[in-house]
Amino acid sequence: MRALALGPVLVALLASTARGQDSLPPALARLRFLLGTWEAVGSGSPGQGAGRATFAVALGGRIITRTSFAEYPAAGERPASRHDDLMVIYTAGDTTKADYYDSEGHVIRYVVTEAGDGRAVFLSAAAAGVPRYRLTYAPTPDGGQNGRFEVAAPGAPEMFRTYLAWTSRRVPGP
């Protein structure tokens, strides 16, 4: 009897999840190309990390979450390590924003824009005495994506230098 009662609840939950992706606000719908699970494709260089990121619609289509990890093998004097992070992408009025948190204690607040060529650019505000960050995702013609994380030193908020760059491919899933 209890299993029969759960049937309609499960169907309603699945339907609401499907509606969530279809009813993204326009600002988030422009980021639809990010949705899914992505695996970083490395060059095979010694000490290079490997990782995975999943972008998913949540809260009935009101936000997109990105959960991500990177694992780095031991190299030279450096021990093996793992980096985990969470980013929540949302709209506030007409602005798309993102809040980033990681296992090292970093918190970055971004404003998200879409460049005319389909890239999504996450840019932190310039503030005295702190670095500025820029994270860019660009779809590739083969269905993958390129990513780049850049940092500008305090006092030079427009002079970004690449800290990490990667290419990802979509992981097939259900």
Protein backbone atom coordinates (compact mmCIF):
# COMPACT_ATOMS: atom_id res chain seq x y z
CA MET A 1 0.00 0.00 0.00
CA ARG A 2 2.79 2.44 0.94
CA ALA A 3 4.65 1.72 -2.35
CA LEU A 4 1.52 2.61 -4.32
CA ALA A 5 1.23 5.93 -2.46
CA LEU A 6 4.84 6.81 -3.30
CA GLY A 7 4.28 6.26 -7.04
CA PRO A 8 2.47 9.60 -7.66
CA VAL A 9 4.99 11.45 -5.47
CA LEU A 10 7.91 10.03 -7.48
CA VAL A 11 6.22 10.91 -10.78
CA ALA A 12 5.61 14.48 -9.53
CA LEU A 13 9.24 14.84 -8.44
CA LEU A 14 10.55 13.60 -11.78
CA ALA A 15 8.17 15.89 -13.68
CA SER A 16 9.24 18.89 -11.59
CA THR A 17 12.93 18.12 -12.29
CA ALA A 18 12.24 17.96 -16.03
CA ARG A 19 10.24 21.23 -15.89
CA GLY A 20 13.13 22.87 -14.01
CA GLN A 21 15.42 22.58 -17.03
CA ASP A 22 12.76 23.82 -19.43
CA SER A 23 11.77 26.80 -17.28
CA LEU A 24 15.15 28.36 -16.59
CA PRO A 25 14.97 32.15 -16.46
CA PRO A 26 16.35 33.63 -19.72
CA ALA A 27 19.62 34.71 -18.07
CA LEU A 28 20.30 31.15 -16.87
CA ALA A 29 19.00 29.57 -20.08
CA ARG A 30 21.96 31.20 -21.88
CA LEU A 31 24.21 29.01 -19.71
CA ARG A 32 22.43 25.79 -20.74
CA PHE A 33 25.54 24.71 -22.70
CA LEU A 34 27.26 24.15 -19.34
CA LEU A 35 24.69 21.62 -18.06
CA GLY A 36 25.90 18.06 -17.63
CA THR A 37 28.97 16.32 -16.32
CA TRP A 38 32.34 17.26 -17.78
CA GLU A 39 35.68 15.51 -17.53
CA ALA A 40 38.92 17.44 -17.93
CA VAL A 41 41.02 16.18 -20.81
CA GLY A 42 44.70 16.41 -19.96
CA SER A 43 47.80 16.47 -22.07
CA GLY A 44 49.38 13.68 -20.06
CA SER A 45 52.11 15.89 -18.61
CA PRO A 46 53.65 14.61 -15.34
CA GLY A 47 51.98 16.13 -12.27
CA GLN A 48 48.97 17.33 -14.26
CA GLY A 49 45.64 17.03 -12.47
CA ALA A 50 42.50 15.26 -13.54
CA GLY A 51 39.00 16.34 -12.60
CA ARG A 52 35.31 16.42 -13.19
CA ALA A 53 32.59 19.07 -12.92
CA THR A 54 28.83 18.70 -12.91
CA PHE A 55 26.49 21.59 -13.72
CA ALA A 56 22.89 20.88 -12.72
CA VAL A 57 19.62 22.77 -12.53
CA ALA A 58 18.29 22.98 -8.97
CA LEU A 59 15.49 24.57 -6.96
CA GLY A 60 12.90 24.22 -9.70
CA GLY A 61 15.02 25.99 -12.29
CA ARG A 62 15.96 28.96 -10.13
CA ILE A 63 19.67 28.13 -9.87
CA ILE A 64 22.43 26.12 -11.51
CA THR A 65 24.93 24.39 -9.25
CA ARG A 66 28.44 23.34 -10.21
CA THR A 67 30.18 20.73 -8.10
CA SER A 68 33.73 20.05 -9.10
CA PHE A 69 36.90 18.29 -8.04
CA ALA A 70 40.47 18.02 -9.26
CA GLU A 71 43.01 15.44 -8.15
CA TYR A 72 46.72 16.06 -8.50
CA PRO A 73 49.29 13.25 -8.29
CA ALA A 74 52.43 13.62 -6.22
CA ALA A 75 55.20 15.32 -8.19
CA GLY A 76 58.70 15.96 -6.92
CA GLU A 77 58.41 17.36 -3.39
CA ARG A 78 54.67 18.01 -3.72
CA PRO A 79 52.35 15.37 -2.22
CA ALA A 80 49.17 14.20 -3.97
CA SER A 81 46.20 16.47 -3.30
CA ARG A 82 42.52 16.99 -4.04
CA HIS A 83 40.56 20.21 -4.56
CA ASP A 84 36.76 20.30 -4.21
CA ASP A 85 34.44 23.23 -4.88
CA LEU A 86 30.83 24.32 -5.17
CA MET A 87 29.43 27.18 -7.21
CA VAL A 88 25.84 28.43 -7.14
CA ILE A 89 24.73 30.42 -10.20
CA TYR A 90 21.57 32.52 -9.84
CA THR A 91 19.82 35.67 -10.99
CA ALA A 92 19.34 38.80 -8.90
CA GLY A 93 17.08 41.16 -10.82
CA ASP A 94 18.53 41.41 -14.33
CA THR A 95 22.01 40.30 -13.23
CA THR A 96 23.37 36.76 -13.25
CA LYS A 97 25.67 36.09 -10.33
CA ALA A 98 27.64 33.15 -8.94
CA ASP A 99 29.03 32.37 -5.50
CA TYR A 100 32.02 30.02 -5.35
CA TYR A 101 33.28 28.07 -2.31
CA ASP A 102 36.17 25.60 -2.14
CA SER A 103 37.92 23.14 0.15
CA GLU A 104 40.78 25.60 0.67
CA GLY A 105 38.47 28.20 2.23
CA HIS A 106 38.20 30.53 -0.76
CA VAL A 107 34.96 32.39 -1.43
CA ILE A 108 34.58 34.30 -4.69
CA ARG A 109 31.55 36.34 -5.73
CA TYR A 110 31.14 36.69 -9.50
CA VAL A 111 28.95 38.59 -11.93
CA VAL A 112 28.29 36.42 -14.97
CA THR A 113 28.08 37.72 -18.52
CA GLU A 114 27.84 36.06 -21.88
CA ALA A 115 30.25 37.23 -24.53
CA GLY A 116 28.91 37.61 -28.06
CA ASP A 117 30.66 34.40 -29.13
CA GLY A 118 28.79 32.22 -26.62
CA ARG A 119 31.41 32.28 -23.86
CA ALA A 120 30.29 32.57 -20.24
CA VAL A 121 32.52 34.94 -18.29
CA PHE A 122 32.49 34.97 -14.47
CA LEU A 123 34.19 38.13 -13.14
CA SER A 124 34.79 39.15 -9.55
CA ALA A 125 34.65 42.79 -8.52
CA ALA A 126 37.80 44.87 -8.31
CA ALA A 127 38.56 45.74 -4.68
CA ALA A 128 41.57 47.39 -3.06
CA GLY A 129 44.15 45.00 -1.67
CA VAL A 130 42.70 41.73 -3.00
CA PRO A 131 43.17 39.72 -6.19
CA ARG A 132 40.51 39.81 -8.91
CA TYR A 133 39.35 36.61 -10.61
CA ARG A 134 37.98 35.75 -14.03
CA LEU A 135 36.62 32.31 -14.99
CA THR A 136 35.68 31.70 -18.62
CA TYR A 137 33.88 28.77 -20.26
CA ALA A 138 33.78 28.55 -24.06
CA PRO A 139 31.96 25.85 -26.03
CA THR A 140 34.06 24.14 -28.69
CA PRO A 141 32.84 23.05 -32.16
CA ASP A 142 33.12 19.37 -31.19
CA GLY A 143 30.68 19.72 -28.25
CA GLY A 144 33.35 20.12 -25.59
CA GLN A 145 34.35 23.22 -23.71
CA ASN A 146 37.48 25.15 -22.88
CA GLY A 147 37.94 26.65 -19.45
CA ARG A 148 40.31 29.26 -18.14
CA PHE A 149 40.79 30.65 -14.62
CA GLU A 150 42.72 33.92 -14.43
CA VAL A 151 43.96 36.07 -11.55
CA ALA A 152 44.81 39.78 -11.47
CA ALA A 153 47.10 40.91 -8.67
CA PRO A 154 45.94 43.51 -6.12
CA GLY A 155 46.54 46.96 -7.55
CA ALA A 156 46.33 45.72 -11.17
CA PRO A 157 42.68 44.60 -11.53
CA GLU A 158 42.72 44.45 -15.34
CA MET A 159 46.04 42.61 -15.78
CA PHE A 160 44.84 39.01 -15.72
CA ARG A 161 47.25 36.09 -15.90
CA THR A 162 46.16 32.54 -16.60
CA TYR A 163 46.38 30.37 -13.50
CA LEU A 164 44.66 27.26 -14.95
CA ALA A 165 43.45 26.33 -18.43
CA TRP A 166 41.72 23.11 -19.46
CA THR A 167 39.60 21.39 -22.06
CA SER A 168 36.62 19.26 -21.02
CA ARG A 169 34.47 16.71 -22.75
CA ARG A 170 30.91 15.84 -21.79
CA VAL A 171 30.57 12.56 -19.92
CA PRO A 172 27.75 10.49 -21.43
CA GLY A 173 25.00 9.91 -18.92
CA PRO A 174 21.42 8.89 -18.53
